[in-house]
């Protein structure tokens, strides 16, 4: 029982949590580089990703497979470059600690969508761990240590929009 009471008063320096933020940024950037080298950010590459690499015909979440087939794939000429830029910016912003809460939220949405699109093919706990880490990064405002958000906070104080930096 004593350890539970003591744990309420213990603190973790934000710099340690910032390392998780930096690792998430590296993860996004290395995945981005790998996907770009495989051609997945082109309309044909995106089609190949959803039809051959992670076939939506095998996705047990039929409602999400229908979303990909009915919404994403018809606009893949727009969606593929959007994904290219979004995944790259999420990686860079997490790495640099820029607008970390907003970027972490965008990363959570991105990872949730990837989890749903690859459901039944990948190990689900890899997505669960990533979502948990991004949630901690978001809630602790981990860019305020070892990041650009620290400089913004020092110069401007709390942002007018909560959880911006």
Protein backbone atom coordinates (compact mmCIF):
# COMPACT_ATOMS: atom_id res chain seq x y z
CA UNK A 1 0.00 0.00 0.00
CA UNK A 2 2.85 2.38 0.76
CA UNK A 3 4.16 2.15 -2.81
CA UNK A 4 0.81 3.36 -4.16
CA UNK A 5 0.95 6.43 -1.94
CA UNK A 6 4.57 7.12 -2.88
CA UNK A 7 3.79 6.78 -6.57
CA UNK A 8 1.32 9.67 -6.34
CA UNK A 9 4.12 12.04 -5.44
CA UNK A 10 6.75 10.79 -7.88
CA UNK A 11 7.33 12.77 -11.05
CA UNK A 12 8.95 11.98 -14.38
CA UNK A 13 10.94 14.75 -16.06
CA UNK A 14 9.32 15.87 -19.30
CA UNK A 15 12.60 15.27 -21.14
CA UNK A 16 12.09 11.51 -20.76
CA UNK A 17 8.62 11.73 -22.29
CA UNK A 18 10.06 13.94 -25.03
CA UNK A 19 12.25 11.02 -26.03
CA UNK A 20 9.06 9.09 -26.81
CA UNK A 21 7.93 12.05 -28.93
CA UNK A 22 11.23 12.04 -30.81
CA UNK A 23 11.05 8.26 -31.34
CA UNK A 24 7.53 8.61 -32.72
CA UNK A 25 8.79 11.26 -35.12
CA UNK A 26 11.59 8.97 -36.27
CA UNK A 27 9.08 6.14 -36.69
CA UNK A 28 6.84 8.29 -38.89
CA UNK A 29 9.78 9.50 -40.98
CA UNK A 30 11.30 6.05 -41.52
CA UNK A 31 7.87 4.69 -42.46
CA UNK A 32 7.37 7.65 -44.78
CA UNK A 33 10.72 6.98 -46.46
CA UNK A 34 9.97 3.27 -46.83
CA UNK A 35 6.51 3.94 -48.25
CA UNK A 36 7.87 6.53 -50.66
CA UNK A 37 10.56 4.16 -51.92
CA UNK A 38 7.86 1.51 -52.49
CA UNK A 39 5.77 4.00 -54.46
CA UNK A 40 2.78 3.90 -52.07
CA UNK A 41 2.28 7.68 -52.29
CA UNK A 42 1.22 7.56 -55.92
CA UNK A 43 -2.35 6.81 -57.03
CA UNK A 44 -1.29 3.40 -58.40
CA UNK A 45 0.83 2.67 -55.32
CA UNK A 46 -2.04 3.48 -52.98
CA UNK A 47 -4.29 1.21 -55.01
CA UNK A 48 -1.69 -1.57 -54.77
CA UNK A 49 -1.39 -1.01 -51.01
CA UNK A 50 -5.14 -1.48 -50.44
CA UNK A 51 -5.68 -4.21 -53.01
CA UNK A 52 -2.55 -6.38 -52.70
CA UNK A 53 -0.47 -5.52 -49.64
CA UNK A 54 -3.42 -5.15 -47.24
CA UNK A 55 -6.36 -6.35 -49.36
CA UNK A 56 -9.60 -4.80 -48.23
CA UNK A 57 -11.47 -7.88 -49.46
CA UNK A 58 -9.86 -9.66 -46.47
CA UNK A 59 -10.51 -6.87 -43.96
CA UNK A 60 -12.97 -8.24 -41.35
CA UNK A 61 -14.13 -4.67 -40.72
CA UNK A 62 -16.36 -4.58 -43.80
CA UNK A 63 -17.63 -1.10 -43.00
CA UNK A 64 -14.09 0.28 -43.08
CA UNK A 65 -13.18 -1.69 -46.20
CA UNK A 66 -16.27 -0.15 -47.83
CA UNK A 67 -15.04 3.30 -46.78
CA UNK A 68 -11.63 2.69 -48.37
CA UNK A 69 -13.09 1.19 -51.54
CA UNK A 70 -15.91 3.74 -51.87
CA UNK A 71 -14.26 6.95 -50.66
CA UNK A 72 -10.46 6.75 -50.52
CA UNK A 73 -9.67 4.77 -53.67
CA UNK A 74 -11.88 6.84 -56.00
CA UNK A 75 -9.98 10.00 -54.93
CA UNK A 76 -6.56 8.35 -54.66
CA UNK A 77 -5.10 10.96 -57.02
CA UNK A 78 -5.78 13.54 -54.30
CA UNK A 79 -5.42 11.27 -51.27
CA UNK A 80 -2.00 9.79 -52.11
CA UNK A 81 -0.16 13.16 -52.19
CA UNK A 82 -2.15 14.28 -49.13
CA UNK A 83 -0.92 11.20 -47.25
CA UNK A 84 2.65 11.81 -48.46
CA UNK A 85 2.68 15.34 -47.06
CA UNK A 86 0.70 14.54 -43.89
CA UNK A 87 2.87 11.60 -42.83
CA UNK A 88 6.05 13.59 -43.49
CA UNK A 89 4.85 16.65 -41.56
CA UNK A 90 3.69 14.56 -38.60
CA UNK A 91 7.15 13.00 -38.46
CA UNK A 92 9.01 16.31 -38.71
CA UNK A 93 6.74 18.11 -36.22
CA UNK A 94 7.03 15.30 -33.65
CA UNK A 95 10.78 15.13 -34.11
CA UNK A 96 11.16 18.89 -33.63
CA UNK A 97 8.49 19.22 -30.94
CA UNK A 98 6.44 21.73 -32.95
CA UNK A 99 2.73 22.13 -32.12
CA UNK A 100 3.08 18.81 -30.33
CA UNK A 101 -0.44 18.39 -28.90
CA UNK A 102 -2.07 19.16 -32.25
CA UNK A 103 0.45 17.00 -34.11
CA UNK A 104 0.01 14.14 -31.64
CA UNK A 105 -3.75 14.29 -32.14
CA UNK A 106 -3.31 14.17 -35.92
CA UNK A 107 -0.92 11.23 -35.48
CA UNK A 108 -3.49 9.40 -33.34
CA UNK A 109 -6.12 9.81 -36.07
CA UNK A 110 -3.59 8.66 -38.67
CA UNK A 111 -2.59 5.56 -36.67
CA UNK A 112 -6.24 4.69 -35.94
CA UNK A 113 -7.01 4.83 -39.67
CA UNK A 114 -3.98 2.69 -40.47
CA UNK A 115 -5.01 0.18 -37.80
CA UNK A 116 -8.52 -0.08 -39.25
CA UNK A 117 -7.21 -0.40 -42.82
CA UNK A 118 -4.78 -3.18 -41.91
CA UNK A 119 -7.03 -4.91 -39.40
CA UNK A 120 -6.48 -8.64 -39.33
CA UNK A 121 -3.05 -8.42 -40.98
CA UNK A 122 -0.82 -6.67 -38.45
CA UNK A 123 -0.22 -7.29 -34.79
CA UNK A 124 -2.85 -5.03 -33.11
CA UNK A 125 -0.74 -4.28 -30.03
CA UNK A 126 1.82 -2.42 -32.12
CA UNK A 127 -0.92 0.09 -32.89
CA UNK A 128 -2.13 0.06 -29.28
CA UNK A 129 1.34 0.90 -27.99
CA UNK A 130 1.77 3.67 -30.54
CA UNK A 131 -1.64 5.14 -29.63
CA UNK A 132 -0.82 5.02 -25.91
CA UNK A 133 2.55 6.72 -26.41
CA UNK A 134 1.01 9.41 -28.62
CA UNK A 135 -1.71 9.96 -26.00
CA UNK A 136 0.93 10.54 -23.31
CA UNK A 137 2.87 12.86 -25.63
CA UNK A 138 -0.33 14.83 -26.33
CA UNK A 139 -1.47 15.12 -22.71
CA UNK A 140 1.95 16.06 -21.32
CA UNK A 141 2.68 18.62 -24.05
CA UNK A 142 6.01 16.90 -24.59
CA UNK A 143 7.19 19.55 -27.06
CA UNK A 144 7.81 21.84 -24.11
CA UNK A 145 11.01 19.94 -23.47
CA UNK A 146 13.63 19.47 -26.16
CA UNK A 147 11.33 21.08 -28.72
CA UNK A 148 10.22 24.21 -30.54
CA UNK A 149 7.12 24.34 -28.33
CA UNK A 150 9.45 25.22 -25.42
CA UNK A 151 10.69 28.28 -27.30
CA UNK A 152 7.11 29.27 -28.19
CA UNK A 153 6.03 28.86 -24.56
CA UNK A 154 9.01 30.87 -23.26
CA UNK A 155 8.39 33.72 -25.73
CA UNK A 156 4.59 33.78 -25.83
CA UNK A 157 3.40 31.94 -22.73
CA UNK A 158 0.27 29.82 -22.85
CA UNK A 159 -1.33 29.82 -26.30
CA UNK A 160 -4.77 31.40 -26.73
CA UNK A 161 -5.94 28.10 -28.16
CA UNK A 162 -5.46 25.42 -25.50
CA UNK A 163 -3.15 22.54 -26.38
CA UNK A 164 -1.61 24.32 -29.37
CA UNK A 165 1.95 24.15 -27.98
